């Protein structure tokens, strides 16, 4: 644990935290099946625990996908650039810049990149409550 993180935890949550996405970037296979490669900006990982939700940016490289998986919370995928297809319980819808896909708790969901450019998404979902 870093000294900064230890200090934050000792005094409680700060009034705000500003995170530069460049400090959170890494190249990795997308979750839920490791289909292709992606650039992950794990922004909320920089927030001290406990945190109530996840906020991430992910660029699915050409041919990449977040595999179909069940979710136990609502999720939102917002498209910044590129094109793709979102899947929820057997239904598929096309995505383009400015599209927001709201996916509901209990569904089996996934998303795949289409076209010639990476699909860049903002992804947000709640964490399980800390007990």
C-alpha atoms as a PDB file:
ATOM      1  CA  UNK A   1       0.000   0.000   0.000  1.00  0.00           C
ATOM      2  CA  UNK A   2       1.377   3.393  -0.929  1.00  0.00           C
ATOM      3  CA  UNK A   3       1.823   6.040   1.752  1.00  0.00           C
ATOM      4  CA  UNK A   4      -0.691   8.296  -0.060  1.00  0.00           C
ATOM      5  CA  UNK A   5      -3.316   5.553  -0.094  1.00  0.00           C
ATOM      6  CA  UNK A   6      -2.667   4.749   3.575  1.00  0.00           C
ATOM      7  CA  UNK A   7      -3.078   8.433   4.450  1.00  0.00           C
ATOM      8  CA  UNK A   8      -6.355   8.673   2.504  1.00  0.00           C
ATOM      9  CA  UNK A   9      -7.750   5.606   4.223  1.00  0.00           C
ATOM     10  CA  UNK A  10      -6.749   6.931   7.638  1.00  0.00           C
ATOM     11  CA  UNK A  11      -8.688  10.187   7.239  1.00  0.00           C
ATOM     12  CA  UNK A  12     -11.610   8.936   5.149  1.00  0.00           C
ATOM     13  CA  UNK A  13     -12.512   9.709   1.570  1.00  0.00           C
ATOM     14  CA  UNK A  14     -11.230  12.972   0.104  1.00  0.00           C
ATOM     15  CA  UNK A  15     -13.606  15.683  -1.115  1.00  0.00           C
ATOM     16  CA  UNK A  16     -12.659  14.704  -4.665  1.00  0.00           C
ATOM     17  CA  UNK A  17     -10.110  12.799  -6.649  1.00  0.00           C
ATOM     18  CA  UNK A  18      -8.968  13.762 -10.155  1.00  0.00           C
ATOM     19  CA  UNK A  19      -7.446  10.896 -12.115  1.00  0.00           C
ATOM     20  CA  UNK A  20      -5.443  11.208 -15.334  1.00  0.00           C
ATOM     21  CA  UNK A  21      -6.448   8.281 -17.528  1.00  0.00           C
ATOM     22  CA  UNK A  22      -2.854   8.023 -18.789  1.00  0.00           C
ATOM     23  CA  UNK A  23      -1.869   6.753 -15.336  1.00  0.00           C
ATOM     24  CA  UNK A  24      -4.371   3.874 -15.588  1.00  0.00           C
ATOM     25  CA  UNK A  25      -3.737   2.527 -19.101  1.00  0.00           C
ATOM     26  CA  UNK A  26      -2.636  -0.998 -19.936  1.00  0.00           C
ATOM     27  CA  UNK A  27      -2.841  -3.365 -22.881  1.00  0.00           C
ATOM     28  CA  UNK A  28      -4.752  -6.542 -22.084  1.00  0.00           C
ATOM     29  CA  UNK A  29      -7.151  -9.081 -23.488  1.00  0.00           C
ATOM     30  CA  UNK A  30     -10.772  -8.078 -22.898  1.00  0.00           C
ATOM     31  CA  UNK A  31     -12.572  -9.812 -20.030  1.00  0.00           C
ATOM     32  CA  UNK A  32     -14.899 -12.794 -20.371  1.00  0.00           C
ATOM     33  CA  UNK A  33     -13.166 -14.863 -23.016  1.00  0.00           C
ATOM     34  CA  UNK A  34     -10.004 -12.946 -23.936  1.00  0.00           C
ATOM     35  CA  UNK A  35     -11.163 -12.397 -27.529  1.00  0.00           C
ATOM     36  CA  UNK A  36      -8.519 -10.228 -29.201  1.00  0.00           C
ATOM     37  CA  UNK A  37      -6.769  -7.328 -27.471  1.00  0.00           C
ATOM     38  CA  UNK A  38      -7.822  -4.053 -25.907  1.00  0.00           C
ATOM     39  CA  UNK A  39      -6.488  -0.918 -24.315  1.00  0.00           C
ATOM     40  CA  UNK A  40      -7.931  -0.697 -20.799  1.00  0.00           C
ATOM     41  CA  UNK A  41      -8.163   2.505 -18.793  1.00  0.00           C
ATOM     42  CA  UNK A  42      -8.970   1.164 -15.331  1.00  0.00           C
ATOM     43  CA  UNK A  43      -9.829   4.601 -13.976  1.00  0.00           C
ATOM     44  CA  UNK A  44     -11.732   3.576 -10.863  1.00  0.00           C
ATOM     45  CA  UNK A  45      -8.857   1.305  -9.784  1.00  0.00           C
ATOM     46  CA  UNK A  46      -7.095   4.534  -8.747  1.00  0.00           C
ATOM     47  CA  UNK A  47      -9.880   5.303  -6.243  1.00  0.00           C
ATOM     48  CA  UNK A  48      -9.340   4.077  -2.672  1.00  0.00           C
ATOM     49  CA  UNK A  49     -11.634   1.305  -1.485  1.00  0.00           C
ATOM     50  CA  UNK A  50     -14.399   1.076  -0.694  1.00  0.00           C
ATOM     51  CA  UNK A  51     -15.912   2.615  -3.810  1.00  0.00           C
ATOM     52  CA  UNK A  52     -19.529   2.287  -4.856  1.00  0.00           C
ATOM     53  CA  UNK A  53     -19.103   1.840  -8.608  1.00  0.00           C
ATOM     54  CA  UNK A  54     -16.643   1.107 -11.399  1.00  0.00           C
ATOM     55  CA  UNK A  55     -15.845   3.589 -14.161  1.00  0.00           C
ATOM     56  CA  UNK A  56     -13.650   2.444 -17.021  1.00  0.00           C
ATOM     57  CA  UNK A  57     -12.722   3.284 -20.580  1.00  0.00           C
ATOM     58  CA  UNK A  58     -11.845   0.445 -22.938  1.00  0.00           C
ATOM     59  CA  UNK A  59     -10.777   0.417 -26.572  1.00  0.00           C
ATOM     60  CA  UNK A  60     -11.577  -2.921 -28.186  1.00  0.00           C
ATOM     61  CA  UNK A  61      -9.040  -3.406 -30.968  1.00  0.00           C
ATOM     62  CA  UNK A  62     -10.194  -4.600 -34.393  1.00  0.00           C
ATOM     63  CA  UNK A  63     -11.746  -8.062 -34.002  1.00  0.00           C
ATOM     64  CA  UNK A  64     -11.882  -7.929 -30.185  1.00  0.00           C
ATOM     65  CA  UNK A  65     -14.872  -8.629 -27.936  1.00  0.00           C
ATOM     66  CA  UNK A  66     -15.972  -8.732 -24.334  1.00  0.00           C
ATOM     67  CA  UNK A  67     -17.401 -12.247 -24.273  1.00  0.00           C
ATOM     68  CA  UNK A  68     -20.954 -13.100 -23.308  1.00  0.00           C
ATOM     69  CA  UNK A  69     -21.317 -13.326 -19.533  1.00  0.00           C
ATOM     70  CA  UNK A  70     -24.078 -12.993 -16.913  1.00  0.00           C
ATOM     71  CA  UNK A  71     -24.268  -9.745 -14.932  1.00  0.00           C
ATOM     72  CA  UNK A  72     -25.578  -9.334 -11.383  1.00  0.00           C
ATOM     73  CA  UNK A  73     -26.035  -5.549 -11.682  1.00  0.00           C
ATOM     74  CA  UNK A  74     -27.016  -3.033 -14.362  1.00  0.00           C
ATOM     75  CA  UNK A  75     -24.178  -1.905 -16.665  1.00  0.00           C
ATOM     76  CA  UNK A  76     -23.885   0.981 -19.102  1.00  0.00           C
ATOM     77  CA  UNK A  77     -21.679   0.947 -22.212  1.00  0.00           C
ATOM     78  CA  UNK A  78     -21.330   4.378 -23.856  1.00  0.00           C
ATOM     79  CA  UNK A  79     -19.638   4.550 -27.276  1.00  0.00           C
ATOM     80  CA  UNK A  80     -17.070   7.317 -27.773  1.00  0.00           C
ATOM     81  CA  UNK A  81     -15.833   6.148 -31.190  1.00  0.00           C
ATOM     82  CA  UNK A  82     -15.889   3.185 -33.525  1.00  0.00           C
ATOM     83  CA  UNK A  83     -18.703   0.729 -34.141  1.00  0.00           C
ATOM     84  CA  UNK A  84     -19.815  -2.474 -32.519  1.00  0.00           C
ATOM     85  CA  UNK A  85     -22.618  -4.836 -31.632  1.00  0.00           C
ATOM     86  CA  UNK A  86     -23.983  -5.320 -28.117  1.00  0.00           C
ATOM     87  CA  UNK A  87     -25.595  -8.617 -27.100  1.00  0.00           C
ATOM     88  CA  UNK A  88     -28.142  -9.122 -24.307  1.00  0.00           C
ATOM     89  CA  UNK A  89     -30.025 -12.382 -23.811  1.00  0.00           C
ATOM     90  CA  UNK A  90     -29.923 -13.292 -27.503  1.00  0.00           C
ATOM     91  CA  UNK A  91     -30.839  -9.830 -28.797  1.00  0.00           C
ATOM     92  CA  UNK A  92     -28.202  -7.831 -30.698  1.00  0.00           C
ATOM     93  CA  UNK A  93     -28.119  -4.116 -31.488  1.00  0.00           C
ATOM     94  CA  UNK A  94     -25.639  -2.048 -33.507  1.00  0.00           C
ATOM     95  CA  UNK A  95     -23.642   0.636 -31.697  1.00  0.00           C
ATOM     96  CA  UNK A  96     -22.060   3.836 -33.024  1.00  0.00           C
ATOM     97  CA  UNK A  97     -20.577   6.974 -31.426  1.00  0.00           C
ATOM     98  CA  UNK A  98     -23.092   8.526 -29.048  1.00  0.00           C
ATOM     99  CA  UNK A  99     -24.939   5.228 -28.424  1.00  0.00           C
ATOM    100  CA  UNK A 100     -25.541   4.125 -24.848  1.00  0.00           C
ATOM    101  CA  UNK A 101     -26.432   0.504 -24.112  1.00  0.00           C
ATOM    102  CA  UNK A 102     -28.132   0.015 -20.733  1.00  0.00           C
ATOM    103  CA  UNK A 103     -27.838  -3.643 -19.776  1.00  0.00           C
ATOM    104  CA  UNK A 104     -30.004  -5.062 -17.011  1.00  0.00           C
ATOM    105  CA  UNK A 105     -29.209  -7.208 -14.000  1.00  0.00           C
ATOM    106  CA  UNK A 106     -29.632 -10.903 -14.720  1.00  0.00           C
ATOM    107  CA  UNK A 107     -28.950 -10.676 -18.469  1.00  0.00           C
ATOM    108  CA  UNK A 108     -26.213 -12.493 -20.367  1.00  0.00           C
ATOM    109  CA  UNK A 109     -24.345  -9.716 -22.163  1.00  0.00           C
ATOM    110  CA  UNK A 110     -21.351  -9.083 -24.404  1.00  0.00           C
ATOM    111  CA  UNK A 111     -20.037  -6.553 -26.897  1.00  0.00           C
ATOM    112  CA  UNK A 112     -17.870  -6.893 -29.988  1.00  0.00           C
ATOM    113  CA  UNK A 113     -16.002  -4.453 -32.173  1.00  0.00           C
ATOM    114  CA  UNK A 114     -16.985  -4.133 -35.847  1.00  0.00           C
ATOM    115  CA  UNK A 115     -15.529  -2.032 -38.646  1.00  0.00           C
ATOM    116  CA  UNK A 116     -12.014  -0.771 -39.321  1.00  0.00           C
ATOM    117  CA  UNK A 117     -11.372   1.263 -36.148  1.00  0.00           C
ATOM    118  CA  UNK A 118     -11.241   0.342 -32.457  1.00  0.00           C
ATOM    119  CA  UNK A 119     -14.501   0.511 -30.500  1.00  0.00           C
ATOM    120  CA  UNK A 120     -13.896   2.942 -27.632  1.00  0.00           C
ATOM    121  CA  UNK A 121     -16.308   2.642 -24.708  1.00  0.00           C
ATOM    122  CA  UNK A 122     -17.013   4.143 -21.324  1.00  0.00           C
ATOM    123  CA  UNK A 123     -18.246   1.401 -18.988  1.00  0.00           C
ATOM    124  CA  UNK A 124     -19.923   2.013 -15.633  1.00  0.00           C
ATOM    125  CA  UNK A 125     -21.543  -0.335 -13.132  1.00  0.00           C
ATOM    126  CA  UNK A 126     -22.141  -0.533  -9.371  1.00  0.00           C
ATOM    127  CA  UNK A 127     -20.014  -2.576  -7.016  1.00  0.00           C
ATOM    128  CA  UNK A 128     -21.502  -4.969  -4.522  1.00  0.00           C
ATOM    129  CA  UNK A 129     -22.101  -3.178  -1.218  1.00  0.00           C
ATOM    130  CA  UNK A 130     -19.317  -3.571   1.333  1.00  0.00           C
ATOM    131  CA  UNK A 131     -20.624  -5.264   4.439  1.00  0.00           C
END
